[in-house]
Amino acid sequence: MNIEEYRIALDDERHKRRASDKLLDEKTREVQSSIAMMQHQFDNLIEQKKESDYLLSVARLAQGDENLSHMVQIFLNESMAYMGAKLARYTFIQDKKVAAGNVLGDVQEIPSLSASLYKKIYSKKDRFIFSVDDLQCEKILPVLTHYRIKNVAFLPIKKFTRVTTVCEFYFEEGVALNQERLDQCMVASYQIGAILERSANKKKIEEGYQEIKASHEKLKQAQSQLVHSEKMASLGQLAAGVAHEINNPIGFVMSNVDTLKDYAQSLLEYFNLSRQYMKNPLDGIEQQMIQLDEKQDFEFILKDIHELIGESEGGLKRVKDIVANLKSFARSDEEKSEEFQINSCIDNIVKVVWNELKYHVTLHKTLDNKLPKIHGHEGQIGQVIMNILVNAAQSIEADGDIYIFTRQADRQVIIEIKDNGKGMSQAVQDKIFDPFFTTKGVSEGTGLGLSISYGIIDKHGGSIDVQSEEGEGTCFSIALPIDH
C-alpha cells in the first residue's frame, strides 16, 4: 500500500472516530439527562411521601379521642418535623388572655411575645412569616438570637371562622423555609379546625339530646297524668250511674239480710222447742211447735232462704264485677303492656257505662269470638271505648240504638261503634280530635276525651276514623294491630 492510500485510510479512520466521539457525547448527555430526570422524580416521590405521611398523621387525629391540648401537640410535632423547624409551640385564648403551651425542641422555654403582637397575629386568618428582627420584641429577641433562629412562621387554627389557636415554628439560620410545605401545613390546620368544630358540634348535639330526652320524659309524665285525669273525669261523670248500679244490688241484699234475720229468729225458737221436747216430750211443747209452724210456715221459710241466699250471691257478684271493672279501668297508665282479649275489654266497659245506656239505648253486640289477643294496655283501650260509648249515648236524645262490631282484617282487629244519634257536620268532624274542642256545655265535658283517645290508639300503632251525617248518626272505626 502506497503513501496516498495510507493517507486516505487515516483520514477515513479520523472521520469515523470523530463520529463515534460525537455519538458518545450525545448518549452521555442523554444518560445524564435521564439520571437528572430520575433524580428529580425520585426527589418528587420522596417529597410526596413526606407530604402524604404528614397528612396521614394529621388525618389520624380525627379517628382518636385525644383532647384539644394533646391533639394540637401532636399536630405541632408532626408539622415541626415536616417543615424542618428547630423549635415550636402553640398559644391559645383562655379567659380572654393568651396562654402558651409547652415548647417542642431542645429549648425548655421561650419568652412570650408582646400583647400587641399577639393581637396582630390573632387578627390574621392565614399563615405568615416573620424574620426575627421584625418581631420587635425585646424579651424574646436575645433568646432567639442565641439559638440562631432566623425566621418564625405563624399558623392559625380556626374554629367556626374564628382563630382560637396559633402554632409558632422557629427556623435556624441556613434552613430554607419551604413555602409549599408551609401551605400543606395550612391545609392540615383546616383539618384540625374541622375536628374541633365536629367535637364542638358533637358536644352540642349530646347536650341537645339530653335536653330533648328530659323534655320527652316530662312530656310523657304530663301525658300520662292528662290521660289519667281525663279517665277520672269520665268516671266522675258516670259516678252517679255507677253508684246507682251498686246501690240496687246492695239494697236488695240488705233487705234479704233483714228477712233472713227474722227467719233465723223463728228457726231459733222452733229449735229451742225441739230441744225441750227431746228432753221432755210433753203435749204442751208439741202443741207450741205446731202453732209456731202454722204461724211461720217453716216449709216456705226454708225454701225462701235458699232463694234469698241465691239472690244475695247474685247481687254481691254484680257489685264485685262493677268494682273489679272500675278498678281495671282506673288503674295507672304505667301498667305493664300485655296481651288481652278485646271482646272481654268491651264487655267490662259496657258494665261500667251500663247505667248511662240502659234507660234509652238498646245495645247490639256482634263480637267475633275467634279474634286473636292483641298486645297493649287494656285499661287505655277501655278508656277509648268508654269515651265513644258515652258520646254515642249522649248524642241520642230519645230512644236509640248503639251497635258494637268486632272483626279481624289482615293483621288487625277492627272495632266499630255505631249509633243512630244526631250525628255531626263535616266542620265538627274535622275538629273532634283537637284538644279541648267540645260541642257540650261547660260542665259536661273537657274536650280532651277524643283527643286523648286518638293519642292512645296512635301509641298502640293503630288508627281511629269517624264517619257521620247530621241526623243520621255516627260510626267510629278503630283498627289495632295484632302483633304491635
Protein backbone atom coordinates (compact mmCIF):
# COMPACT_ATOMS: atom_id res chain seq x y z
CA MET A 1 0.00 0.00 0.00
CA ASN A 2 1.48 3.36 -1.04
CA ILE A 3 1.56 6.61 0.98
CA GLU A 4 -1.52 8.03 -0.65
CA GLU A 5 -3.56 5.02 0.25
CA TYR A 6 -2.35 5.26 3.89
CA ARG A 7 -3.35 8.91 3.99
CA ILE A 8 -6.84 8.16 2.68
CA ALA A 9 -7.28 5.31 5.23
CA LEU A 10 -6.06 7.55 8.05
CA ASP A 11 -8.49 10.34 7.15
CA ASP A 12 -11.31 7.84 6.99
CA GLU A 13 -10.38 6.49 10.44
CA ARG A 14 -10.26 10.01 11.89
CA HIS A 15 -13.65 10.77 10.43
CA LYS A 16 -15.16 7.63 11.98
CA ARG A 17 -13.55 8.43 15.34
CA ARG A 18 -14.98 11.94 15.33
CA ALA A 19 -18.42 10.49 14.52
CA SER A 20 -18.05 7.94 17.35
CA ASP A 21 -16.98 10.66 19.83
CA LYS A 22 -19.95 12.79 18.78
CA LEU A 23 -22.34 9.86 19.22
CA LEU A 24 -20.77 9.04 22.60
CA ASP A 25 -21.22 12.64 23.73
CA GLU A 26 -24.86 12.59 22.69
CA LYS A 27 -25.52 9.32 24.52
CA THR A 28 -23.68 10.61 27.58
CA ARG A 29 -25.84 13.73 27.60
CA GLU A 30 -28.96 11.56 27.21
CA VAL A 31 -27.89 9.33 30.13
CA GLN A 32 -27.09 12.36 32.27
CA SER A 33 -30.42 13.91 31.38
CA SER A 34 -32.19 10.65 32.26
CA ILE A 35 -30.30 10.44 35.55
CA ALA A 36 -31.22 14.03 36.35
CA MET A 37 -34.85 13.38 35.46
CA MET A 38 -34.86 10.20 37.56
CA GLN A 39 -33.27 12.09 40.44
CA HIS A 40 -35.91 14.81 40.10
CA GLN A 41 -38.69 12.21 40.01
CA PHE A 42 -37.14 10.45 42.99
CA ASP A 43 -36.95 13.73 44.90
CA ASN A 44 -40.59 14.40 44.00
CA LEU A 45 -41.57 10.94 45.19
CA ILE A 46 -39.69 11.47 48.45
CA GLU A 47 -41.39 14.86 48.85
CA GLN A 48 -44.78 13.35 48.06
CA LYS A 49 -44.16 10.54 50.54
CA LYS A 50 -43.21 13.03 53.24
CA GLU A 51 -46.29 15.05 52.38
CA SER A 52 -48.62 12.02 52.41
CA ASP A 53 -47.06 10.69 55.65
CA TYR A 54 -47.56 14.10 57.24
CA LEU A 55 -51.16 14.48 56.06
CA LEU A 56 -51.91 10.88 57.10
CA SER A 57 -50.53 11.51 60.59
CA VAL A 58 -52.79 14.57 60.89
CA ALA A 59 -55.79 12.69 59.48
CA ARG A 60 -55.36 10.00 62.16
CA LEU A 61 -56.17 12.62 64.77
CA ALA A 62 -59.77 12.63 63.52
CA GLN A 63 -60.07 8.94 64.45
CA GLY A 64 -58.81 9.29 68.01
CA ASP A 65 -60.31 10.62 71.20
CA GLU A 66 -57.44 12.95 72.16
CA ASN A 67 -58.30 16.13 73.98
CA LEU A 68 -57.63 19.52 72.39
CA SER A 69 -54.25 20.07 74.05
CA HIS A 70 -52.88 16.63 73.15
CA MET A 71 -54.19 16.84 69.57
CA VAL A 72 -52.56 20.25 68.95
CA GLN A 73 -49.28 18.98 70.43
CA ILE A 74 -49.27 16.04 68.00
CA PHE A 75 -50.08 18.38 65.10
CA LEU A 76 -47.30 20.73 66.24
CA ASN A 77 -44.74 17.92 66.49
CA GLU A 78 -45.60 16.45 63.06
CA SER A 79 -45.59 19.90 61.39
CA MET A 80 -42.26 20.84 63.00
CA ALA A 81 -40.62 17.65 61.70
CA TYR A 82 -42.22 18.07 58.25
CA MET A 83 -41.02 21.68 57.79
CA GLY A 84 -37.63 21.19 59.49
CA ALA A 85 -38.20 23.72 62.26
CA LYS A 86 -35.88 23.79 65.26
CA LEU A 87 -38.49 24.82 67.85
CA ALA A 88 -42.29 25.02 68.03
CA ARG A 89 -45.06 25.93 70.46
CA TYR A 90 -48.71 26.97 70.38
CA THR A 91 -50.76 29.65 72.08
CA PHE A 92 -54.49 29.80 72.74
CA ILE A 93 -57.08 32.14 74.20
CA GLN A 94 -58.13 31.32 77.76
CA ASP A 95 -60.28 33.66 79.87
CA LYS A 96 -59.71 36.40 77.28
CA LYS A 97 -55.93 36.10 77.73
CA VAL A 98 -53.23 34.46 75.62
CA ALA A 99 -51.85 31.27 77.20
CA ALA A 100 -48.88 29.26 75.85
CA GLY A 101 -48.35 25.52 75.64
CA ASN A 102 -45.09 23.63 76.12
CA VAL A 103 -42.15 24.29 73.80
CA LEU A 104 -41.13 21.44 71.48
CA GLY A 105 -37.42 21.11 70.63
CA ASP A 106 -34.16 21.47 72.52
CA VAL A 107 -35.27 24.53 74.50
CA GLN A 108 -37.42 24.27 77.63
CA GLU A 109 -38.94 27.74 77.44
CA ILE A 110 -39.25 30.74 75.13
CA PRO A 111 -40.47 34.12 76.40
CA SER A 112 -43.93 35.13 75.25
CA LEU A 113 -44.41 37.74 72.57
CA SER A 114 -45.85 41.13 73.42
CA ALA A 115 -49.61 41.52 73.82
CA SER A 116 -49.80 43.93 70.87
CA LEU A 117 -48.00 41.41 68.63
CA TYR A 118 -50.32 38.58 69.67
CA LYS A 119 -53.29 40.84 68.96
CA LYS A 120 -51.92 41.36 65.45
CA ILE A 121 -51.26 37.63 65.00
CA TYR A 122 -54.75 36.54 66.15
CA SER A 123 -56.37 39.06 63.82
CA LYS A 124 -54.90 37.29 60.77
CA LYS A 125 -56.73 34.37 59.14
CA ASP A 126 -53.83 32.95 57.08
CA ARG A 127 -50.30 31.72 57.73
CA PHE A 128 -47.46 34.26 57.56
CA ILE A 129 -43.73 34.54 58.25
CA PHE A 130 -41.74 36.99 60.35
CA SER A 131 -37.98 37.35 60.43
CA VAL A 132 -36.68 37.54 63.99
CA ASP A 133 -35.65 41.16 63.51
CA ASP A 134 -39.22 42.11 62.53
CA LEU A 135 -40.69 40.74 65.77
CA GLN A 136 -39.50 43.82 67.63
CA CYS A 137 -39.89 42.03 70.98
CA GLU A 138 -37.11 42.77 73.44
CA LYS A 139 -37.90 39.81 75.69
CA ILE A 140 -37.66 37.09 73.05
CA LEU A 141 -35.08 38.56 70.67
CA PRO A 142 -31.94 37.69 72.73
CA VAL A 143 -33.11 34.11 73.22
CA LEU A 144 -33.82 33.56 69.52
CA THR A 145 -30.52 35.16 68.55
CA HIS A 146 -28.72 32.87 70.99
CA TYR A 147 -30.24 29.81 69.33
CA ARG A 148 -29.53 31.23 65.85
CA ILE A 149 -33.21 31.44 64.97
CA LYS A 150 -33.72 33.39 61.76
CA ASN A 151 -37.42 33.12 60.87
CA VAL A 152 -40.70 32.46 62.66
CA ALA A 153 -43.79 31.06 60.87
CA PHE A 154 -47.24 31.54 62.41
CA LEU A 155 -50.03 29.09 61.53
CA PRO A 156 -53.56 29.86 62.79
CA ILE A 157 -56.14 27.16 63.64
CA LYS A 158 -59.72 28.36 63.16
CA LYS A 159 -62.91 27.04 64.70
CA PHE A 160 -66.14 28.37 63.18
CA THR A 161 -64.11 31.01 61.23
CA ARG A 162 -62.56 32.36 64.45
CA VAL A 163 -58.85 31.93 65.26
CA THR A 164 -58.66 30.04 68.55
CA THR A 165 -55.08 28.68 68.45
CA VAL A 166 -51.83 29.83 66.79
CA CYS A 167 -48.89 27.48 66.13
CA GLU A 168 -45.40 29.04 66.13
CA PHE A 169 -42.47 27.44 64.22
CA TYR A 170 -38.89 28.71 64.69
CA PHE A 171 -36.29 28.09 61.90
CA GLU A 172 -32.48 28.23 62.22
CA GLU A 173 -30.19 30.28 60.02
CA GLY A 174 -29.36 28.45 56.82
CA VAL A 175 -32.58 26.42 56.83
CA ALA A 176 -34.66 27.24 53.78
CA LEU A 177 -38.31 27.70 54.73
CA ASN A 178 -40.24 25.65 52.15
CA GLN A 179 -43.32 27.65 51.20
CA GLU A 180 -45.08 24.61 49.71
CA ARG A 181 -44.64 22.66 52.94
CA LEU A 182 -45.99 25.61 54.91
CA ASP A 183 -49.01 25.63 52.58
CA GLN A 184 -49.54 21.92 53.26
CA CYS A 185 -49.37 22.61 57.00
CA MET A 186 -52.04 25.27 56.49
CA VAL A 187 -54.25 22.71 54.73
CA ALA A 188 -53.66 20.32 57.66
CA SER A 189 -54.65 23.08 60.09
CA TYR A 190 -58.04 23.21 58.32
CA GLN A 191 -58.45 19.54 59.23
CA ILE A 192 -57.64 20.30 62.86
CA GLY A 193 -60.20 23.10 62.80
CA ALA A 194 -62.77 20.75 61.28
CA ILE A 195 -62.05 18.19 64.03
CA LEU A 196 -62.52 20.87 66.68
CA GLU A 197 -65.77 22.02 65.06
CA ARG A 198 -67.03 18.44 64.87
CA SER A 199 -66.13 17.90 68.52
CA ALA A 200 -67.97 21.10 69.48
CA ASN A 201 -70.99 20.12 67.37
CA LYS A 202 -70.98 16.65 68.88
CA LYS A 203 -70.99 18.15 72.36
CA LYS A 204 -73.87 20.46 71.41
CA ILE A 205 -75.77 17.53 69.89
CA GLU A 206 -75.26 15.45 73.03
CA GLU A 207 -76.41 18.35 75.21
CA GLY A 208 -79.38 18.91 72.92
CA TYR A 209 -80.18 15.20 73.00
CA GLN A 210 -80.13 15.18 76.78
CA GLU A 211 -82.42 18.22 76.86
CA ILE A 212 -84.80 16.61 74.36
CA LYS A 213 -84.70 13.37 76.34
CA ALA A 214 -85.52 15.20 79.58
CA SER A 215 -88.30 17.14 77.83
CA HIS A 216 -89.64 13.91 76.37
CA GLU A 217 -89.73 12.30 79.81
CA LYS A 218 -91.56 15.33 81.22
CA LEU A 219 -93.96 15.23 78.27
CA LYS A 220 -94.60 11.52 78.84
CA GLN A 221 -95.32 12.16 82.51
CA ALA A 222 -97.60 15.07 81.66
CA GLN A 223 -99.38 12.99 79.02
CA SER A 224 -99.80 10.09 81.44
CA GLN A 225 -101.23 12.45 84.07
CA LEU A 226 -103.53 14.01 81.47
CA VAL A 227 -104.81 10.60 80.35
CA HIS A 228 -105.39 9.54 83.95
CA SER A 229 -107.08 12.87 84.78
CA GLU A 230 -109.42 12.51 81.81
CA LYS A 231 -110.14 8.95 82.88
CA MET A 232 -111.04 10.13 86.36
CA ALA A 233 -113.15 12.94 84.86
CA SER A 234 -115.03 10.35 82.80
CA LEU A 235 -115.58 8.24 85.88
CA GLY A 236 -116.78 11.34 87.72
CA GLN A 237 -119.42 11.90 85.04
CA LEU A 238 -120.51 8.27 85.44
CA ALA A 239 -120.26 8.26 89.24
CA ALA A 240 -123.99 8.72 89.88
CA GLY A 241 -124.87 5.92 87.49
CA VAL A 242 -122.21 3.63 88.90
CA ALA A 243 -123.40 4.39 92.44
CA HIS A 244 -126.94 3.55 91.34
CA GLU A 245 -125.77 0.30 89.79
CA ILE A 246 -124.04 -0.65 93.04
CA ASN A 247 -126.84 0.67 95.27
CA ASN A 248 -129.55 -1.52 93.70
CA PRO A 249 -127.96 -4.91 94.50
CA ILE A 250 -126.70 -3.63 97.86
CA GLY A 251 -130.29 -2.54 98.68
CA PHE A 252 -131.96 -5.88 97.99
CA VAL A 253 -129.07 -7.78 99.64
CA MET A 254 -129.63 -5.74 102.82
CA SER A 255 -133.40 -6.37 102.55
CA ASN A 256 -132.73 -10.09 102.16
CA VAL A 257 -130.42 -10.00 105.19
CA ASP A 258 -133.22 -8.40 107.30
CA THR A 259 -135.63 -11.13 106.16
CA LEU A 260 -133.04 -13.79 106.94
CA LYS A 261 -132.64 -12.33 110.45
CA ASP A 262 -136.41 -12.74 111.03
CA TYR A 263 -136.28 -16.27 109.63
CA ALA A 264 -133.29 -17.05 111.85
CA GLN A 265 -135.21 -15.88 114.95
CA SER A 266 -138.20 -18.08 114.10
CA LEU A 267 -135.98 -21.07 113.42
CA LEU A 268 -134.16 -20.44 116.70
CA GLU A 269 -137.49 -20.52 118.62
CA TYR A 270 -138.51 -23.74 116.87
CA PHE A 271 -135.07 -25.24 117.56
CA ASN A 272 -135.31 -24.40 121.29
CA LEU A 273 -138.78 -26.00 121.49
CA SER A 274 -137.40 -29.08 119.71
CA ARG A 275 -134.62 -29.43 122.28
CA GLN A 276 -137.13 -29.10 125.13
CA TYR A 277 -139.38 -31.71 123.52
CA MET A 278 -136.47 -34.14 123.12
CA LYS A 279 -135.67 -33.87 126.83
CA ASN A 280 -139.28 -33.91 128.00
CA PRO A 281 -141.86 -34.91 125.31
CA LEU A 282 -144.90 -33.16 126.73
CA ASP A 283 -148.07 -32.46 124.75
CA GLY A 284 -147.81 -28.76 125.64
CA ILE A 285 -144.42 -28.37 123.94
CA GLU A 286 -145.56 -30.30 120.88
CA GLN A 287 -148.64 -28.03 120.65
CA GLN A 288 -146.39 -24.93 120.79
CA MET A 289 -144.26 -26.32 117.98
CA ILE A 290 -147.33 -26.99 115.84
CA GLN A 291 -148.69 -23.48 116.45
CA LEU A 292 -145.29 -21.92 115.65
CA ASP A 293 -145.05 -23.92 112.42
CA GLU A 294 -148.58 -22.87 111.41
CA LYS A 295 -147.72 -19.25 112.16
CA GLN A 296 -144.31 -19.10 110.40
CA ASP A 297 -144.72 -21.78 107.69
CA PHE A 298 -141.25 -23.28 108.04
CA GLU A 299 -141.55 -25.13 104.75
CA PHE A 300 -141.88 -21.78 102.98
CA ILE A 301 -139.10 -20.27 105.13
CA LEU A 302 -136.62 -22.99 104.22
CA LYS A 303 -137.46 -22.67 100.54
CA ASP A 304 -137.26 -18.86 100.68
CA ILE A 305 -133.91 -18.94 102.49
CA HIS A 306 -132.36 -20.72 99.52
CA GLU A 307 -133.84 -18.15 97.14
CA LEU A 308 -132.72 -15.21 99.30
CA ILE A 309 -129.17 -16.54 99.53
CA GLY A 310 -129.09 -17.10 95.74
CA GLU A 311 -130.37 -13.58 95.07
CA SER A 312 -127.85 -12.08 97.53
CA GLU A 313 -124.99 -14.01 95.96
CA GLY A 314 -126.01 -12.70 92.54
CA GLY A 315 -126.27 -9.13 93.83
CA LEU A 316 -122.91 -9.26 95.58
CA LYS A 317 -121.30 -10.79 92.48
CA ARG A 318 -122.77 -7.93 90.47
CA VAL A 319 -121.24 -5.40 92.88
CA LYS A 320 -117.94 -7.27 92.78
CA ASP A 321 -117.91 -7.21 88.96
CA ILE A 322 -118.66 -3.47 88.85
CA VAL A 323 -115.88 -2.72 91.36
CA ALA A 324 -113.45 -5.01 89.51
CA ASN A 325 -114.24 -3.33 86.20
CA LEU A 326 -113.81 0.11 87.75
CA LYS A 327 -110.51 -0.95 89.29
CA SER A 328 -109.28 -2.35 85.97
CA PHE A 329 -110.35 0.81 84.17
CA ALA A 330 -108.95 3.29 86.68
CA ARG A 331 -105.57 1.68 87.34
CA SER A 332 -102.37 3.57 86.46
CA ASP A 333 -101.49 4.11 82.82
CA GLU A 334 -97.95 2.96 83.59
CA GLU A 335 -99.22 -0.60 83.81
CA LYS A 336 -97.26 -3.25 82.01
CA SER A 337 -98.19 -3.83 78.39
CA GLU A 338 -99.65 -7.32 77.96
CA GLU A 339 -101.88 -9.46 75.77
CA PHE A 340 -105.64 -9.18 76.25
CA GLN A 341 -108.88 -10.10 74.53
CA ILE A 342 -110.68 -7.10 73.05
CA ASN A 343 -114.14 -8.66 73.43
CA SER A 344 -113.63 -9.06 77.19
CA CYS A 345 -112.43 -5.45 77.36
CA ILE A 346 -115.65 -4.32 75.62
CA ASP A 347 -117.85 -6.40 77.95
CA ASN A 348 -116.15 -4.94 81.03
CA ILE A 349 -116.54 -1.35 79.82
CA VAL A 350 -120.22 -1.92 78.96
CA LYS A 351 -120.80 -2.94 82.58
CA VAL A 352 -119.16 0.30 83.76
CA VAL A 353 -121.24 2.57 81.49
CA TRP A 354 -124.42 0.49 81.53
CA ASN A 355 -126.35 2.96 83.67
CA GLU A 356 -125.64 5.63 81.02
CA LEU A 357 -127.11 3.39 78.32
CA LYS A 358 -129.89 1.24 79.71
CA TYR A 359 -132.70 3.78 80.04
CA HIS A 360 -132.82 4.99 76.43
CA VAL A 361 -130.39 2.86 74.41
CA THR A 362 -130.74 -0.63 73.01
CA LEU A 363 -127.25 -2.11 72.78
CA HIS A 364 -126.46 -4.58 69.99
CA LYS A 365 -123.17 -6.50 70.17
CA THR A 366 -121.83 -8.58 67.29
CA LEU A 367 -118.44 -9.76 68.54
CA ASP A 368 -116.19 -12.17 66.68
CA ASN A 369 -115.38 -14.96 69.15
CA LYS A 370 -112.36 -16.07 67.09
CA LEU A 371 -110.44 -12.82 67.48
CA PRO A 372 -106.78 -13.27 68.50
CA LYS A 373 -105.42 -11.41 71.50
CA ILE A 374 -103.73 -8.05 70.97
CA HIS A 375 -100.79 -6.56 72.83
CA GLY A 376 -101.13 -3.28 74.71
CA HIS A 377 -102.72 -1.55 77.71
CA GLU A 378 -106.22 -2.91 78.29
CA GLY A 379 -107.15 -0.03 80.61
CA GLN A 380 -106.24 2.57 77.98
CA ILE A 381 -108.12 0.81 75.17
CA GLY A 382 -111.07 0.50 77.56
CA GLN A 383 -110.95 4.26 78.12
CA VAL A 384 -111.23 4.84 74.35
CA ILE A 385 -114.24 2.51 74.06
CA MET A 386 -115.89 4.14 77.09
CA ASN A 387 -115.42 7.66 75.66
CA ILE A 388 -117.03 6.66 72.37
CA LEU A 389 -119.92 4.79 74.04
CA VAL A 390 -120.72 7.70 76.38
CA ASN A 391 -120.55 10.18 73.48
CA ALA A 392 -122.83 7.91 71.45
CA ALA A 393 -125.36 7.65 74.31
CA GLN A 394 -125.33 11.42 74.82
CA SER A 395 -125.94 12.01 71.10
CA ILE A 396 -129.20 10.00 71.27
CA GLU A 397 -131.81 12.42 72.55
CA ALA A 398 -134.71 9.94 72.94
CA ASP A 399 -134.61 6.18 72.43
CA GLY A 400 -131.98 4.82 70.05
CA ASP A 401 -129.57 2.04 69.19
CA ILE A 402 -125.84 1.52 69.57
CA TYR A 403 -124.10 -1.25 67.64
CA ILE A 404 -120.72 -2.71 68.53
CA PHE A 405 -118.93 -4.92 65.99
CA THR A 406 -115.56 -6.63 66.19
CA ARG A 407 -113.79 -8.48 63.40
CA GLN A 408 -110.35 -9.30 62.06
CA ALA A 409 -108.98 -7.79 58.85
CA ASP A 410 -105.50 -8.89 57.76
CA ARG A 411 -103.27 -8.45 60.83
CA GLN A 412 -105.62 -6.01 62.57
CA VAL A 413 -108.55 -6.17 64.96
CA ILE A 414 -111.34 -3.81 63.91
CA ILE A 415 -113.79 -2.30 66.42
CA GLU A 416 -116.78 -0.38 65.08
CA ILE A 417 -119.16 1.56 67.35
CA LYS A 418 -122.17 2.93 65.53
CA ASP A 419 -125.16 4.94 66.78
CA ASN A 420 -128.29 6.48 65.27
CA GLY A 421 -127.96 9.74 67.20
CA LYS A 422 -127.96 13.28 65.91
CA GLY A 423 -124.64 12.94 64.04
CA MET A 424 -122.08 15.64 63.22
CA SER A 425 -121.39 18.16 60.49
CA GLN A 426 -118.19 17.93 58.47
CA ALA A 427 -116.84 21.01 60.27
CA VAL A 428 -117.28 19.29 63.63
CA GLN A 429 -115.76 16.03 62.33
CA ASP A 430 -112.65 17.93 61.25
CA LYS A 431 -112.08 19.13 64.84
CA ILE A 432 -113.27 16.32 67.13
CA PHE A 433 -109.73 15.02 67.74
CA ASP A 434 -108.38 18.51 68.53
CA PRO A 435 -107.54 19.07 72.23
CA PHE A 436 -110.21 20.99 74.20
CA PHE A 437 -112.70 21.01 71.31
CA THR A 438 -116.19 20.08 72.50
CA THR A 439 -119.79 20.64 71.47
CA LYS A 440 -121.00 20.01 75.03
CA GLY A 441 -121.72 22.54 77.74
CA VAL A 442 -119.04 23.89 80.08
CA SER A 443 -119.86 21.44 82.88
CA GLU A 444 -120.46 18.45 80.60
CA GLY A 445 -117.06 17.79 79.08
CA THR A 446 -113.38 18.78 78.97
CA GLY A 447 -112.88 18.43 75.22
CA LEU A 448 -109.98 16.04 75.84
CA GLY A 449 -111.70 12.64 75.61
CA LEU A 450 -111.39 12.05 71.86
CA SER A 451 -108.02 13.83 71.64
CA ILE A 452 -106.60 11.50 74.29
CA SER A 453 -108.33 8.54 72.63
CA TYR A 454 -106.59 9.40 69.36
CA GLY A 455 -103.21 9.53 71.15
CA ILE A 456 -103.82 6.17 72.86
CA ILE A 457 -104.72 4.41 69.60
CA ASP A 458 -101.75 6.01 67.83
CA LYS A 459 -99.41 4.86 70.64
CA HIS A 460 -100.71 1.32 70.12
CA GLY A 461 -99.80 1.54 66.43
CA GLY A 462 -103.43 1.72 65.31
CA SER A 463 -105.81 4.21 63.74
CA ILE A 464 -109.20 5.72 64.57
CA ASP A 465 -111.60 7.14 61.99
CA VAL A 466 -115.07 8.66 62.11
CA GLN A 467 -117.94 8.82 59.63
CA SER A 468 -121.03 10.84 60.43
CA GLU A 469 -124.02 12.61 58.91
CA GLU A 470 -126.22 15.10 60.65
CA GLY A 471 -129.49 13.47 61.69
CA GLU A 472 -128.27 10.00 60.65
CA GLY A 473 -125.77 9.01 63.34
CA THR A 474 -122.06 8.38 63.75
CA CYS A 475 -119.70 5.42 63.29
CA PHE A 476 -116.25 5.23 64.90
CA SER A 477 -113.86 2.65 63.47
CA ILE A 478 -110.78 1.59 65.46
CA ALA A 479 -108.04 -0.57 63.93
CA LEU A 480 -105.46 -2.15 66.27
CA PRO A 481 -102.50 -4.27 65.09
CA ILE A 482 -102.42 -7.84 66.39
CA ASP A 483 -98.61 -8.03 66.57
CA HIS A 484 -97.79 -4.45 67.72
